[in-house]
PDB file of N, CA and C in Angstrom:
ATOM      1  N   MET A   1      79.363  50.607  87.810  1.00  0.00           N
ATOM      2  CA  MET A   1      78.105  51.206  87.507  1.00  0.00           C
ATOM      3  C   MET A   1      77.642  50.770  86.131  1.00  0.00           C
ATOM      4  N   ARG A   2      76.427  50.258  86.082  1.00  0.00           N
ATOM      5  CA  ARG A   2      75.905  49.746  84.798  1.00  0.00           C
ATOM      6  C   ARG A   2      75.288  50.833  83.950  1.00  0.00           C
ATOM      7  N   GLY A   3      74.607  51.764  84.538  1.00  0.00           N
ATOM      8  CA  GLY A   3      73.958  52.818  83.818  1.00  0.00           C
ATOM      9  C   GLY A   3      72.589  52.436  83.281  1.00  0.00           C
ATOM     10  N   VAL A   4      72.156  51.204  83.485  1.00  0.00           N
ATOM     11  CA  VAL A   4      70.893  50.735  82.985  1.00  0.00           C
ATOM     12  C   VAL A   4      69.822  50.989  84.052  1.00  0.00           C
ATOM     13  N   ILE A   5      68.678  51.496  83.618  1.00  0.00           N
ATOM     14  CA  ILE A   5      67.619  51.767  84.577  1.00  0.00           C
ATOM     15  C   ILE A   5      66.946  50.465  84.985  1.00  0.00           C
ATOM     16  N   THR A   6      66.534  50.440  86.228  1.00  0.00           N
ATOM     17  CA  THR A   6      65.808  49.279  86.738  1.00  0.00           C
ATOM     18  C   THR A   6      64.482  49.743  87.327  1.00  0.00           C
ATOM     19  N   LEU A   7      63.607  48.826  87.526  1.00  0.00           N
ATOM     20  CA  LEU A   7      62.295  49.161  88.118  1.00  0.00           C
ATOM     21  C   LEU A   7      62.482  49.779  89.514  1.00  0.00           C
ATOM     22  N   ARG A   8      63.445  49.268  90.249  1.00  0.00           N
ATOM     23  CA  ARG A   8      63.759  49.802  91.573  1.00  0.00           C
ATOM     24  C   ARG A   8      64.181  51.283  91.494  1.00  0.00           C
ATOM     25  N   ASP A   9      65.029  51.611  90.504  1.00  0.00           N
ATOM     26  CA  ASP A   9      65.479  52.982  90.311  1.00  0.00           C
ATOM     27  C   ASP A   9      64.297  53.891  89.977  1.00  0.00           C
ATOM     28  N   VAL A  10      63.451  53.436  89.064  1.00  0.00           N
ATOM     29  CA  VAL A  10      62.295  54.239  88.639  1.00  0.00           C
ATOM     30  C   VAL A  10      61.383  54.489  89.843  1.00  0.00           C
ATOM     31  N   MET A  11      61.067  53.455  90.603  1.00  0.00           N
ATOM     32  CA  MET A  11      60.155  53.597  91.721  1.00  0.00           C
ATOM     33  C   MET A  11      60.727  54.471  92.818  1.00  0.00           C
ATOM     34  N   ALA A  12      62.020  54.375  93.051  1.00  0.00           N
ATOM     35  CA  ALA A  12      62.692  55.153  94.082  1.00  0.00           C
ATOM     36  C   ALA A  12      62.719  56.679  93.746  1.00  0.00           C
ATOM     37  N   ASN A  13      62.662  56.978  92.441  1.00  0.00           N
ATOM     38  CA  ASN A  13      62.749  58.366  92.017  1.00  0.00           C
ATOM     39  C   ASN A  13      61.541  58.817  91.215  1.00  0.00           C
ATOM     40  N   LEU A  14      60.430  58.181  91.453  1.00  0.00           N
ATOM     41  CA  LEU A  14      59.228  58.452  90.700  1.00  0.00           C
ATOM     42  C   LEU A  14      58.792  59.915  90.733  1.00  0.00           C
ATOM     43  N   GLY A  15      58.754  60.488  91.903  1.00  0.00           N
ATOM     44  CA  GLY A  15      58.357  61.901  92.047  1.00  0.00           C
ATOM     45  C   GLY A  15      59.287  62.857  91.332  1.00  0.00           C
ATOM     46  N   LEU A  16      60.569  62.611  91.470  1.00  0.00           N
ATOM     47  CA  LEU A  16      61.567  63.465  90.823  1.00  0.00           C
ATOM     48  C   LEU A  16      61.465  63.382  89.300  1.00  0.00           C
ATOM     49  N   VAL A  17      61.333  62.191  88.777  1.00  0.00           N
ATOM     50  CA  VAL A  17      61.229  62.008  87.327  1.00  0.00           C
ATOM     51  C   VAL A  17      59.978  62.699  86.811  1.00  0.00           C
ATOM     52  N   ARG A  18      58.866  62.535  87.509  1.00  0.00           N
ATOM     53  CA  ARG A  18      57.608  63.158  87.095  1.00  0.00           C
ATOM     54  C   ARG A  18      57.713  64.682  87.143  1.00  0.00           C
ATOM     55  N   ARG A  19      58.279  65.204  88.205  1.00  0.00           N
ATOM     56  CA  ARG A  19      58.388  66.649  88.357  1.00  0.00           C
ATOM     57  C   ARG A  19      59.298  67.287  87.321  1.00  0.00           C
ATOM     58  N   GLU A  20      60.409  66.633  87.043  1.00  0.00           N
ATOM     59  CA  GLU A  20      61.409  67.216  86.149  1.00  0.00           C
ATOM     60  C   GLU A  20      61.219  66.878  84.666  1.00  0.00           C
ATOM     61  N   PHE A  21      60.655  65.699  84.370  1.00  0.00           N
ATOM     62  CA  PHE A  21      60.548  65.240  82.981  1.00  0.00           C
ATOM     63  C   PHE A  21      59.130  64.978  82.519  1.00  0.00           C
ATOM     64  N   GLY A  22      58.162  64.906  83.435  1.00  0.00           N
ATOM     65  CA  GLY A  22      56.771  64.731  83.080  1.00  0.00           C
ATOM     66  C   GLY A  22      56.274  63.319  83.197  1.00  0.00           C
ATOM     67  N   SER A  23      54.966  63.184  83.144  1.00  0.00           N
ATOM     68  CA  SER A  23      54.314  61.894  83.308  1.00  0.00           C
ATOM     69  C   SER A  23      54.615  60.910  82.186  1.00  0.00           C
ATOM     70  N   LEU A  24      54.721  61.432  80.973  1.00  0.00           N
ATOM     71  CA  LEU A  24      55.036  60.555  79.840  1.00  0.00           C
ATOM     72  C   LEU A  24      56.385  59.899  79.994  1.00  0.00           C
ATOM     73  N   CYS A  25      57.334  60.616  80.539  1.00  0.00           N
ATOM     74  CA  CYS A  25      58.664  60.052  80.791  1.00  0.00           C
ATOM     75  C   CYS A  25      58.580  58.946  81.832  1.00  0.00           C
ATOM     76  N   VAL A  26      57.752  59.122  82.843  1.00  0.00           N
ATOM     77  CA  VAL A  26      57.559  58.110  83.886  1.00  0.00           C
ATOM     78  C   VAL A  26      57.029  56.840  83.249  1.00  0.00           C
ATOM     79  N   VAL A  27      56.037  56.989  82.375  1.00  0.00           N
ATOM     80  CA  VAL A  27      55.444  55.840  81.714  1.00  0.00           C
ATOM     81  C   VAL A  27      56.476  55.135  80.845  1.00  0.00           C
ATOM     82  N   ARG A  28      57.262  55.906  80.095  1.00  0.00           N
ATOM     83  CA  ARG A  28      58.287  55.288  79.238  1.00  0.00           C
ATOM     84  C   ARG A  28      59.341  54.595  80.079  1.00  0.00           C
ATOM     85  N   CYS A  29      59.723  55.171  81.203  1.00  0.00           N
ATOM     86  CA  CYS A  29      60.684  54.510  82.106  1.00  0.00           C
ATOM     87  C   CYS A  29      60.152  53.212  82.639  1.00  0.00           C
ATOM     88  N   LEU A  30      58.890  53.227  83.088  1.00  0.00           N
ATOM     89  CA  LEU A  30      58.265  52.021  83.633  1.00  0.00           C
ATOM     90  C   LEU A  30      58.166  50.939  82.558  1.00  0.00           C
ATOM     91  N   LEU A  31      57.794  51.319  81.335  1.00  0.00           N
ATOM     92  CA  LEU A  31      57.687  50.349  80.273  1.00  0.00           C
ATOM     93  C   LEU A  31      59.060  49.757  79.924  1.00  0.00           C
ATOM     94  N   ALA A  32      60.075  50.592  79.896  1.00  0.00           N
ATOM     95  CA  ALA A  32      61.413  50.116  79.606  1.00  0.00           C
ATOM     96  C   ALA A  32      61.899  49.178  80.691  1.00  0.00           C
ATOM     97  N   ALA A  33      61.646  49.512  81.950  1.00  0.00           N
ATOM     98  CA  ALA A  33      62.097  48.685  83.047  1.00  0.00           C
ATOM     99  C   ALA A  33      61.333  47.356  83.083  1.00  0.00           C
ATOM    100  N   LEU A  34      60.015  47.403  82.844  1.00  0.00           N
ATOM    101  CA  LEU A  34      59.227  46.176  82.877  1.00  0.00           C
ATOM    102  C   LEU A  34      59.526  45.246  81.722  1.00  0.00           C
ATOM    103  N   SER A  35      59.903  45.829  80.584  1.00  0.00           N
ATOM    104  CA  SER A  35      60.232  44.994  79.415  1.00  0.00           C
ATOM    105  C   SER A  35      61.651  44.446  79.506  1.00  0.00           C
ATOM    106  N   ARG A  36      62.385  44.857  80.517  1.00  0.00           N
ATOM    107  CA  ARG A  36      63.774  44.455  80.733  1.00  0.00           C
ATOM    108  C   ARG A  36      64.682  44.840  79.579  1.00  0.00           C
ATOM    109  N   ARG A  37      64.259  45.883  78.848  1.00  0.00           N
ATOM    110  CA  ARG A  37      65.083  46.404  77.773  1.00  0.00           C
ATOM    111  C   ARG A  37      66.290  47.097  78.381  1.00  0.00           C
ATOM    112  N   ARG A  38      67.473  46.787  77.879  1.00  0.00           N
ATOM    113  CA  ARG A  38      68.693  47.383  78.440  1.00  0.00           C
ATOM    114  C   ARG A  38      68.850  48.771  77.841  1.00  0.00           C
ATOM    115  N   THR A  39      68.485  49.779  78.644  1.00  0.00           N
ATOM    116  CA  THR A  39      68.571  51.155  78.220  1.00  0.00           C
ATOM    117  C   THR A  39      68.912  52.039  79.401  1.00  0.00           C
ATOM    118  N   THR A  40      69.402  53.197  79.109  1.00  0.00           N
ATOM    119  CA  THR A  40      69.738  54.135  80.178  1.00  0.00           C
ATOM    120  C   THR A  40      68.589  55.145  80.351  1.00  0.00           C
ATOM    121  N   PHE A  41      68.588  55.815  81.466  1.00  0.00           N
ATOM    122  CA  PHE A  41      67.540  56.807  81.736  1.00  0.00           C
ATOM    123  C   PHE A  41      67.588  57.904  80.665  1.00  0.00           C
ATOM    124  N   LEU A  42      68.774  58.344  80.310  1.00  0.00           N
ATOM    125  CA  LEU A  42      68.864  59.431  79.351  1.00  0.00           C
ATOM    126  C   LEU A  42      68.319  59.028  77.982  1.00  0.00           C
ATOM    127  N   GLU A  43      68.500  57.788  77.584  1.00  0.00           N
ATOM    128  CA  GLU A  43      67.929  57.308  76.323  1.00  0.00           C
ATOM    129  C   GLU A  43      66.422  57.390  76.356  1.00  0.00           C
ATOM    130  N   VAL A  44      65.836  57.088  77.482  1.00  0.00           N
ATOM    131  CA  VAL A  44      64.371  57.152  77.616  1.00  0.00           C
ATOM    132  C   VAL A  44      63.911  58.588  77.771  1.00  0.00           C
ATOM    133  N   ALA A  45      64.528  59.349  78.616  1.00  0.00           N
ATOM    134  CA  ALA A  45      64.070  60.696  78.929  1.00  0.00           C
ATOM    135  C   ALA A  45      64.271  61.649  77.781  1.00  0.00           C
ATOM    136  N   LEU A  46      65.345  61.507  77.034  1.00  0.00           N
ATOM    137  CA  LEU A  46      65.659  62.472  75.983  1.00  0.00           C
ATOM    138  C   LEU A  46      65.387  61.917  74.600  1.00  0.00           C
ATOM    139  N   ARG A  47      64.500  60.898  74.532  1.00  0.00           N
ATOM    140  CA  ARG A  47      64.146  60.290  73.256  1.00  0.00           C
ATOM    141  C   ARG A  47      63.534  61.325  72.323  1.00  0.00           C
ATOM    142  N   LEU A  48      63.968  61.295  71.100  1.00  0.00           N
ATOM    143  CA  LEU A  48      63.410  62.214  70.115  1.00  0.00           C
ATOM    144  C   LEU A  48      61.997  61.785  69.739  1.00  0.00           C
ATOM    145  N   LYS A  49      61.134  62.755  69.504  1.00  0.00           N
ATOM    146  CA  LYS A  49      59.734  62.454  69.223  1.00  0.00           C
ATOM    147  C   LYS A  49      59.554  61.663  67.930  1.00  0.00           C
ATOM    148  N   ASP A  50      60.470  61.812  66.971  1.00  0.00           N
ATOM    149  CA  ASP A  50      60.297  61.128  65.702  1.00  0.00           C
ATOM    150  C   ASP A  50      60.856  59.694  65.743  1.00  0.00           C
ATOM    151  N   SER A  51      61.451  59.284  66.825  1.00  0.00           N
ATOM    152  CA  SER A  51      62.030  57.934  66.943  1.00  0.00           C
ATOM    153  C   SER A  51      60.984  56.907  67.258  1.00  0.00           C
TER     154      SER A  51
END
């Protein structure tokens, strides 16, 4: 298990992510996946606002 989010993961769970974490988290996940930045979902979802 890599733990890195992929565009496929985001698209497969789009509704769940939006419902539980909000639309801004969906956008951040999509941007991270499209930029091919190696990051985990938790790093994106729980990002501090001052970062």
